[in-house]
Amino acid sequence: MKTKSTDRDILFKGIKQMLIALVLMFTGPTLLHIILSNRDKTFYIILLIVAIIICSLAIFFAFKGINTILNSLFKSNKTR
């Protein structure tokens, strides 16, 4: 009887994406807080846009990582 098993390569790829999302989840809001507390600086708008992009990338990588992990668990082509 063939049973589905976890595709470890895809699982590690998903975990790597989740680690990237974790780093971005701390970097983006921290940078956003620092920028919003210093509104009189010359590069305020540029840094604000960069911080918002980093926060958006954190959300993107989190969803992509969860999707990849779920694909490795449930849509695996490998059998034991």
PDB file of N, CA and C in Angstrom:
ATOM      1  N   MET A   1       0.829  -1.171   0.000  1.00  0.00           N
ATOM      2  CA  MET A   1       0.000   0.000   0.000  1.00  0.00           C
ATOM      3  C   MET A   1       0.881   1.246   0.000  1.00  0.00           C
ATOM      4  N   LYS A   2       0.592   2.158  -0.894  1.00  0.00           N
ATOM      5  CA  LYS A   2       1.373   3.375  -1.000  1.00  0.00           C
ATOM      6  C   LYS A   2       0.790   4.444  -0.080  1.00  0.00           C
ATOM      7  N   THR A   3       1.659   5.041   0.706  1.00  0.00           N
ATOM      8  CA  THR A   3       1.239   6.130   1.586  1.00  0.00           C
ATOM      9  C   THR A   3       2.007   7.389   1.219  1.00  0.00           C
ATOM     10  N   LYS A   4       1.374   8.510   1.442  1.00  0.00           N
ATOM     11  CA  LYS A   4       2.034   9.781   1.164  1.00  0.00           C
ATOM     12  C   LYS A   4       3.007  10.093   2.291  1.00  0.00           C
ATOM     13  N   SER A   5       4.153  10.621   1.919  1.00  0.00           N
ATOM     14  CA  SER A   5       5.126  11.057   2.915  1.00  0.00           C
ATOM     15  C   SER A   5       5.514  12.497   2.627  1.00  0.00           C
ATOM     16  N   THR A   6       6.118  13.111   3.602  1.00  0.00           N
ATOM     17  CA  THR A   6       6.500  14.509   3.479  1.00  0.00           C
ATOM     18  C   THR A   6       7.704  14.652   2.557  1.00  0.00           C
ATOM     19  N   ASP A   7       7.607  15.574   1.626  1.00  0.00           N
ATOM     20  CA  ASP A   7       8.735  15.898   0.752  1.00  0.00           C
ATOM     21  C   ASP A   7       9.660  16.841   1.517  1.00  0.00           C
ATOM     22  N   ARG A   8      10.779  16.323   1.966  1.00  0.00           N
ATOM     23  CA  ARG A   8      11.660  17.081   2.861  1.00  0.00           C
ATOM     24  C   ARG A   8      12.303  18.287   2.179  1.00  0.00           C
ATOM     25  N   ASP A   9      12.602  18.197   0.889  1.00  0.00           N
ATOM     26  CA  ASP A   9      13.219  19.332   0.193  1.00  0.00           C
ATOM     27  C   ASP A   9      12.270  20.529   0.162  1.00  0.00           C
ATOM     28  N   ILE A  10      11.018  20.270  -0.148  1.00  0.00           N
ATOM     29  CA  ILE A  10      10.027  21.341  -0.190  1.00  0.00           C
ATOM     30  C   ILE A  10       9.746  21.855   1.221  1.00  0.00           C
ATOM     31  N   LEU A  11       9.764  20.969   2.213  1.00  0.00           N
ATOM     32  CA  LEU A  11       9.554  21.379   3.598  1.00  0.00           C
ATOM     33  C   LEU A  11      10.655  22.328   4.059  1.00  0.00           C
ATOM     34  N   PHE A  12      11.918  22.018   3.757  1.00  0.00           N
ATOM     35  CA  PHE A  12      13.017  22.884   4.148  1.00  0.00           C
ATOM     36  C   PHE A  12      12.962  24.223   3.418  1.00  0.00           C
ATOM     37  N   LYS A  13      12.486  24.210   2.181  1.00  0.00           N
ATOM     38  CA  LYS A  13      12.314  25.458   1.441  1.00  0.00           C
ATOM     39  C   LYS A  13      11.257  26.330   2.120  1.00  0.00           C
ATOM     40  N   GLY A  14      10.175  25.713   2.572  1.00  0.00           N
ATOM     41  CA  GLY A  14       9.134  26.453   3.281  1.00  0.00           C
ATOM     42  C   GLY A  14       9.617  26.990   4.618  1.00  0.00           C
ATOM     43  N   ILE A  15      10.423  26.202   5.330  1.00  0.00           N
ATOM     44  CA  ILE A  15      10.965  26.662   6.609  1.00  0.00           C
ATOM     45  C   ILE A  15      11.920  27.836   6.393  1.00  0.00           C
ATOM     46  N   LYS A  16      12.691  27.773   5.313  1.00  0.00           N
ATOM     47  CA  LYS A  16      13.604  28.883   5.000  1.00  0.00           C
ATOM     48  C   LYS A  16      12.809  30.156   4.696  1.00  0.00           C
ATOM     49  N   GLN A  17      11.704  30.018   3.980  1.00  0.00           N
ATOM     50  CA  GLN A  17      10.866  31.181   3.693  1.00  0.00           C
ATOM     51  C   GLN A  17      10.244  31.740   4.965  1.00  0.00           C
ATOM     52  N   MET A  18       9.884  30.871   5.895  1.00  0.00           N
ATOM     53  CA  MET A  18       9.325  31.333   7.166  1.00  0.00           C
ATOM     54  C   MET A  18      10.387  32.047   8.008  1.00  0.00           C
ATOM     55  N   LEU A  19      11.632  31.600   7.938  1.00  0.00           N
ATOM     56  CA  LEU A  19      12.702  32.285   8.663  1.00  0.00           C
ATOM     57  C   LEU A  19      12.967  33.670   8.073  1.00  0.00           C
ATOM     58  N   ILE A  20      12.898  33.778   6.755  1.00  0.00           N
ATOM     59  CA  ILE A  20      13.036  35.088   6.113  1.00  0.00           C
ATOM     60  C   ILE A  20      11.898  36.000   6.559  1.00  0.00           C
ATOM     61  N   ALA A  21      10.680  35.448   6.611  1.00  0.00           N
ATOM     62  CA  ALA A  21       9.532  36.233   7.060  1.00  0.00           C
ATOM     63  C   ALA A  21       9.703  36.675   8.508  1.00  0.00           C
ATOM     64  N   LEU A  22      10.267  35.815   9.353  1.00  0.00           N
ATOM     65  CA  LEU A  22      10.475  36.163  10.755  1.00  0.00           C
ATOM     66  C   LEU A  22      11.443  37.333  10.895  1.00  0.00           C
ATOM     67  N   VAL A  23      12.526  37.302  10.135  1.00  0.00           N
ATOM     68  CA  VAL A  23      13.485  38.407  10.173  1.00  0.00           C
ATOM     69  C   VAL A  23      12.828  39.700   9.693  1.00  0.00           C
ATOM     70  N   LEU A  24      12.062  39.609   8.614  1.00  0.00           N
ATOM     71  CA  LEU A  24      11.396  40.798   8.086  1.00  0.00           C
ATOM     72  C   LEU A  24      10.308  41.308   9.021  1.00  0.00           C
ATOM     73  N   MET A  25       9.666  40.397   9.777  1.00  0.00           N
ATOM     74  CA  MET A  25       8.627  40.810  10.719  1.00  0.00           C
ATOM     75  C   MET A  25       9.188  41.642  11.863  1.00  0.00           C
ATOM     76  N   PHE A  26      10.435  41.441  12.214  1.00  0.00           N
ATOM     77  CA  PHE A  26      11.055  42.266  13.238  1.00  0.00           C
ATOM     78  C   PHE A  26      11.701  43.520  12.641  1.00  0.00           C
ATOM     79  N   THR A  27      12.273  43.397  11.460  1.00  0.00           N
ATOM     80  CA  THR A  27      12.977  44.518  10.845  1.00  0.00           C
ATOM     81  C   THR A  27      12.023  45.619  10.389  1.00  0.00           C
ATOM     82  N   GLY A  28      10.945  45.236   9.722  1.00  0.00           N
ATOM     83  CA  GLY A  28      10.012  46.220   9.163  1.00  0.00           C
ATOM     84  C   GLY A  28       9.365  47.111  10.202  1.00  0.00           C
ATOM     85  N   PRO A  29       8.683  46.557  11.209  1.00  0.00           N
ATOM     86  CA  PRO A  29       8.057  47.423  12.217  1.00  0.00           C
ATOM     87  C   PRO A  29       9.066  48.228  13.047  1.00  0.00           C
ATOM     88  N   THR A  30      10.244  47.656  13.305  1.00  0.00           N
ATOM     89  CA  THR A  30      11.260  48.406  14.043  1.00  0.00           C
ATOM     90  C   THR A  30      11.714  49.616  13.239  1.00  0.00           C
ATOM     91  N   LEU A  31      11.989  49.397  11.966  1.00  0.00           N
ATOM     92  CA  LEU A  31      12.385  50.499  11.094  1.00  0.00           C
ATOM     93  C   LEU A  31      11.259  51.521  10.957  1.00  0.00           C
ATOM     94  N   LEU A  32      10.029  51.046  10.867  1.00  0.00           N
ATOM     95  CA  LEU A  32       8.875  51.937  10.757  1.00  0.00           C
ATOM     96  C   LEU A  32       8.725  52.799  12.010  1.00  0.00           C
ATOM     97  N   HIS A  33       8.929  52.214  13.179  1.00  0.00           N
ATOM     98  CA  HIS A  33       8.848  52.970  14.427  1.00  0.00           C
ATOM     99  C   HIS A  33       9.946  54.032  14.501  1.00  0.00           C
ATOM    100  N   ILE A  34      11.152  53.661  14.110  1.00  0.00           N
ATOM    101  CA  ILE A  34      12.261  54.623  14.140  1.00  0.00           C
ATOM    102  C   ILE A  34      12.005  55.769  13.169  1.00  0.00           C
ATOM    103  N   ILE A  35      11.486  55.465  12.012  1.00  0.00           N
ATOM    104  CA  ILE A  35      11.226  56.501  11.007  1.00  0.00           C
ATOM    105  C   ILE A  35      10.100  57.423  11.452  1.00  0.00           C
ATOM    106  N   LEU A  36       9.036  56.859  12.018  1.00  0.00           N
ATOM    107  CA  LEU A  36       7.912  57.697  12.420  1.00  0.00           C
ATOM    108  C   LEU A  36       8.231  58.560  13.638  1.00  0.00           C
ATOM    109  N   SER A  37       9.231  58.182  14.408  1.00  0.00           N
ATOM    110  CA  SER A  37       9.611  59.018  15.547  1.00  0.00           C
ATOM    111  C   SER A  37      10.590  60.129  15.140  1.00  0.00           C
ATOM    112  N   ASN A  38      11.119  60.084  13.940  1.00  0.00           N
ATOM    113  CA  ASN A  38      12.041  61.111  13.433  1.00  0.00           C
ATOM    114  C   ASN A  38      11.514  61.682  12.126  1.00  0.00           C
ATOM    115  N   ARG A  39      10.420  62.402  12.190  1.00  0.00           N
ATOM    116  CA  ARG A  39       9.800  62.919  10.972  1.00  0.00           C
ATOM    117  C   ARG A  39      10.547  64.094  10.355  1.00  0.00           C
ATOM    118  N   ASP A  40      11.451  64.709  11.058  1.00  0.00           N
ATOM    119  CA  ASP A  40      12.125  65.889  10.529  1.00  0.00           C
ATOM    120  C   ASP A  40      13.386  65.574   9.727  1.00  0.00           C
ATOM    121  N   LYS A  41      13.705  64.320   9.537  1.00  0.00           N
ATOM    122  CA  LYS A  41      14.892  63.941   8.761  1.00  0.00           C
ATOM    123  C   LYS A  41      14.654  64.161   7.268  1.00  0.00           C
ATOM    124  N   THR A  42      15.743  64.218   6.514  1.00  0.00           N
ATOM    125  CA  THR A  42      15.630  64.541   5.091  1.00  0.00           C
ATOM    126  C   THR A  42      15.118  63.367   4.253  1.00  0.00           C
ATOM    127  N   PHE A  43      15.431  62.149   4.648  1.00  0.00           N
ATOM    128  CA  PHE A  43      15.019  60.983   3.864  1.00  0.00           C
ATOM    129  C   PHE A  43      13.776  60.318   4.430  1.00  0.00           C
ATOM    130  N   TYR A  44      12.890  61.074   5.032  1.00  0.00           N
ATOM    131  CA  TYR A  44      11.709  60.536   5.710  1.00  0.00           C
ATOM    132  C   TYR A  44      10.821  59.736   4.757  1.00  0.00           C
ATOM    133  N   ILE A  45      10.466  60.291   3.635  1.00  0.00           N
ATOM    134  CA  ILE A  45       9.536  59.631   2.707  1.00  0.00           C
ATOM    135  C   ILE A  45      10.160  58.377   2.108  1.00  0.00           C
ATOM    136  N   ILE A  46      11.407  58.450   1.720  1.00  0.00           N
ATOM    137  CA  ILE A  46      12.077  57.302   1.107  1.00  0.00           C
ATOM    138  C   ILE A  46      12.174  56.145   2.107  1.00  0.00           C
ATOM    139  N   LEU A  47      12.576  56.444   3.333  1.00  0.00           N
ATOM    140  CA  LEU A  47      12.692  55.394   4.348  1.00  0.00           C
ATOM    141  C   LEU A  47      11.331  54.851   4.760  1.00  0.00           C
ATOM    142  N   LEU A  48      10.307  55.694   4.743  1.00  0.00           N
ATOM    143  CA  LEU A  48       8.954  55.231   5.047  1.00  0.00           C
ATOM    144  C   LEU A  48       8.479  54.241   3.992  1.00  0.00           C
ATOM    145  N   ILE A  49       8.753  54.520   2.742  1.00  0.00           N
ATOM    146  CA  ILE A  49       8.379  53.600   1.664  1.00  0.00           C
ATOM    147  C   ILE A  49       9.139  52.286   1.792  1.00  0.00           C
ATOM    148  N   VAL A  50      10.426  52.355   2.121  1.00  0.00           N
ATOM    149  CA  VAL A  50      11.231  51.140   2.300  1.00  0.00           C
ATOM    150  C   VAL A  50      10.687  50.299   3.453  1.00  0.00           C
ATOM    151  N   ALA A  51      10.315  50.944   4.560  1.00  0.00           N
ATOM    152  CA  ALA A  51       9.775  50.215   5.709  1.00  0.00           C
ATOM    153  C   ALA A  51       8.447  49.550   5.375  1.00  0.00           C
ATOM    154  N   ILE A  52       7.603  50.221   4.621  1.00  0.00           N
ATOM    155  CA  ILE A  52       6.317  49.630   4.225  1.00  0.00           C
ATOM    156  C   ILE A  52       6.537  48.458   3.277  1.00  0.00           C
ATOM    157  N   ILE A  53       7.506  48.562   2.393  1.00  0.00           N
ATOM    158  CA  ILE A  53       7.825  47.450   1.492  1.00  0.00           C
ATOM    159  C   ILE A  53       8.347  46.254   2.288  1.00  0.00           C
ATOM    160  N   ILE A  54       9.184  46.501   3.289  1.00  0.00           N
ATOM    161  CA  ILE A  54       9.693  45.405   4.119  1.00  0.00           C
ATOM    162  C   ILE A  54       8.552  44.723   4.871  1.00  0.00           C
ATOM    163  N   CYS A  55       7.618  45.502   5.401  1.00  0.00           N
ATOM    164  CA  CYS A  55       6.459  44.910   6.095  1.00  0.00           C
ATOM    165  C   CYS A  55       5.607  44.088   5.128  1.00  0.00           C
ATOM    166  N   SER A  56       5.442  44.580   3.912  1.00  0.00           N
ATOM    167  CA  SER A  56       4.676  43.839   2.906  1.00  0.00           C
ATOM    168  C   SER A  56       5.385  42.547   2.508  1.00  0.00           C
ATOM    169  N   LEU A  57       6.701  42.599   2.398  1.00  0.00           N
ATOM    170  CA  LEU A  57       7.464  41.388   2.080  1.00  0.00           C
ATOM    171  C   LEU A  57       7.373  40.357   3.206  1.00  0.00           C
ATOM    172  N   ALA A  58       7.293  40.814   4.439  1.00  0.00           N
ATOM    173  CA  ALA A  58       7.138  39.887   5.565  1.00  0.00           C
ATOM    174  C   ALA A  58       5.825  39.125   5.449  1.00  0.00           C
ATOM    175  N   ILE A  59       4.762  39.818   5.112  1.00  0.00           N
ATOM    176  CA  ILE A  59       3.462  39.166   4.942  1.00  0.00           C
ATOM    177  C   ILE A  59       3.504  38.205   3.761  1.00  0.00           C
ATOM    178  N   PHE A  60       4.117  38.634   2.655  1.00  0.00           N
ATOM    179  CA  PHE A  60       4.214  37.784   1.471  1.00  0.00           C
ATOM    180  C   PHE A  60       4.978  36.493   1.764  1.00  0.00           C
ATOM    181  N   PHE A  61       6.161  36.613   2.397  1.00  0.00           N
ATOM    182  CA  PHE A  61       6.964  35.433   2.691  1.00  0.00           C
ATOM    183  C   PHE A  61       6.286  34.518   3.710  1.00  0.00           C
ATOM    184  N   ALA A  62       5.516  35.087   4.630  1.00  0.00           N
ATOM    185  CA  ALA A  62       4.804  34.252   5.598  1.00  0.00           C
ATOM    186  C   ALA A  62       3.750  33.396   4.893  1.00  0.00           C
ATOM    187  N   PHE A  63       2.949  34.009   4.031  1.00  0.00           N
ATOM    188  CA  PHE A  63       1.934  33.238   3.306  1.00  0.00           C
ATOM    189  C   PHE A  63       2.569  32.229   2.352  1.00  0.00           C
ATOM    190  N   LYS A  64       3.628  32.639   1.672  1.00  0.00           N
ATOM    191  CA  LYS A  64       4.304  31.737   0.743  1.00  0.00           C
ATOM    192  C   LYS A  64       4.944  30.565   1.491  1.00  0.00           C
ATOM    193  N   GLY A  65       5.527  30.833   2.656  1.00  0.00           N
ATOM    194  CA  GLY A  65       6.136  29.774   3.452  1.00  0.00           C
ATOM    195  C   GLY A  65       5.115  28.785   3.983  1.00  0.00           C
ATOM    196  N   ILE A  66       3.983  29.300   4.474  1.00  0.00           N
ATOM    197  CA  ILE A  66       2.925  28.405   4.962  1.00  0.00           C
ATOM    198  C   ILE A  66       2.380  27.559   3.825  1.00  0.00           C
ATOM    199  N   ASN A  67       2.185  28.169   2.665  1.00  0.00           N
ATOM    200  CA  ASN A  67       1.682  27.432   1.508  1.00  0.00           C
ATOM    201  C   ASN A  67       2.666  26.350   1.077  1.00  0.00           C
ATOM    202  N   THR A  68       3.951  26.658   1.086  1.00  0.00           N
ATOM    203  CA  THR A  68       4.975  25.687   0.695  1.00  0.00           C
ATOM    204  C   THR A  68       5.030  24.528   1.685  1.00  0.00           C
ATOM    205  N   ILE A  69       4.939  24.829   2.976  1.00  0.00           N
ATOM    206  CA  ILE A  69       4.957  23.770   3.988  1.00  0.00           C
ATOM    207  C   ILE A  69       3.738  22.869   3.845  1.00  0.00           C
ATOM    208  N   LEU A  70       2.582  23.457   3.616  1.00  0.00           N
ATOM    209  CA  LEU A  70       1.377  22.646   3.440  1.00  0.00           C
ATOM    210  C   LEU A  70       1.455  21.804   2.169  1.00  0.00           C
ATOM    211  N   ASN A  71       2.046  22.349   1.109  1.00  0.00           N
ATOM    212  CA  ASN A  71       2.227  21.558  -0.109  1.00  0.00           C
ATOM    213  C   ASN A  71       3.163  20.378   0.130  1.00  0.00           C
ATOM    214  N   SER A  72       4.185  20.573   0.935  1.00  0.00           N
ATOM    215  CA  SER A  72       5.107  19.465   1.199  1.00  0.00           C
ATOM    216  C   SER A  72       4.444  18.374   2.026  1.00  0.00           C
ATOM    217  N   LEU A  73       3.477  18.737   2.847  1.00  0.00           N
ATOM    218  CA  LEU A  73       2.805  17.748   3.692  1.00  0.00           C
ATOM    219  C   LEU A  73       1.686  17.010   2.965  1.00  0.00           C
ATOM    220  N   PHE A  74       0.900  17.731   2.176  1.00  0.00           N
ATOM    221  CA  PHE A  74      -0.322  17.136   1.624  1.00  0.00           C
ATOM    222  C   PHE A  74      -0.281  16.848   0.132  1.00  0.00           C
ATOM    223  N   LYS A  75       0.584  17.482  -0.629  1.00  0.00           N
ATOM    224  CA  LYS A  75       0.620  17.275  -2.082  1.00  0.00           C
ATOM    225  C   LYS A  75       1.926  16.617  -2.515  1.00  0.00           C
ATOM    226  N   SER A  76       2.396  15.700  -1.712  1.00  0.00           N
ATOM    227  CA  SER A  76       3.675  15.068  -1.989  1.00  0.00           C
ATOM    228  C   SER A  76       3.512  13.956  -3.027  1.00  0.00           C
ATOM    229  N   ASN A  77       4.503  13.865  -3.913  1.00  0.00           N
ATOM    230  CA  ASN A  77       4.503  12.814  -4.926  1.00  0.00           C
ATOM    231  C   ASN A  77       5.367  11.635  -4.510  1.00  0.00           C
ATOM    232  N   LYS A  78       6.157  11.796  -3.479  1.00  0.00           N
ATOM    233  CA  LYS A  78       7.032  10.719  -3.027  1.00  0.00           C
ATOM    234  C   LYS A  78       6.226   9.688  -2.231  1.00  0.00           C
ATOM    235  N   THR A  79       6.585   8.433  -2.388  1.00  0.00           N
ATOM    236  CA  THR A  79       5.949   7.367  -1.621  1.00  0.00           C
ATOM    237  C   THR A  79       7.030   6.523  -0.980  1.00  0.00           C
ATOM    238  N   ARG A  80       6.697   5.884   0.106  1.00  0.00           N
ATOM    239  CA  ARG A  80       7.655   5.007   0.785  1.00  0.00           C
ATOM    240  C   ARG A  80       7.476   3.579   0.362  1.00  0.00           C
TER     241      ARG A  80
END
